């Protein structure tokens, strides 16, 4: 399970229990035998959702699209492909009869499920063995590739991928919506984050992978990437470059990393630490309630401040400190920084009327 879990990174799930007869209705059982749930209605309802694109069996998830799992490239055109999950999305030229996806979080302990194609079904007994949102399930026997895995509600929990496993509906939906994508050149899979993309899988066979699971990426070569689509588009524009610098949040720190460059052979270069921006401190005049624009006119007066107590009003313009004319806030701050422990005279202009305000520095 552990080996397969590393490979089947797309919320891969598994089921455990026993196989039911292939026929739609199980044979009658004696008192000592267990009677399997009757999934015949679900079979009749959903068998038309199983469609074929060339030799590839797929499950219709909308009137225009179907999804399939395949380790081999289909012989017919497809709309989208994910490298690590081996998922394909097909566009249909004719209307399809879609199945409804159902969240795996709604699966109950011991719930009976069905793994069905267009001409067969297998009953399995589910049991959760994980605690995360992408829980694992197991079942006895070997399931077919591209089966519809669902419950008595006749909705789809996931897509069977052979052996004992299926890819959960949440992962299928992210792939369909373009909120997840794999990048072979980076050795990772990313999903949509909050104004960023997040690495949720790193290929263990990709020796030069610079990214780690959980990395949050916001910039590529200084260009903002807010989602998977923008991330993929940005990489396409950099495909002829040997360096793609990413801004990454990792372990509560921001770093910059060249995610395409190979690892150094002799000496490992530590990622560059990016200092967090410092909060700008208030100037002395701001602490006294003076808030100026670029022309040294008061924009507003802080209530209860020295500026208000001195009778100043919005629009008053500071033109001189002591005998020194000032034209910018930086000049006023620079002069006051030197005039410590004494009184200074601030000359203001109000509608061509000039007056002084004495300030203790």
Foldseek 3Di string as FASTA:
>chain_A
DVVVCQQQVQLKAFAAAFWADFDQAGDDDDPVDDHFDRCNVLLVLQQQQFDDDQPFIWGAAFQFKTKFADPDDDPDDFDDAADRNRMTMHTDPGTGDHAAADQPVPDDAQAWKWWAYNRGIIITTWHWDDDDSSTYTHHPDKGDGQTFIGHSVSGGQFGDHIGGMTRGPVSVVQVVVVQKHDDVLQQFIWGADAQWIFTQHGHPVPVQHPDDHGKTWQDKVRHGDGGNVSVVVVCVVCVVPQFIWTFIQDPNFTFIDGSNHGADPPDGDDTDGDDDDDDDDDFPVVQQQADADQQQFGQAGDPPGNCVVQVDGGGKHWQDKAHHGDGGPVVVSVVVVPDAQAKIWTWIADPNDIDIDIDGD
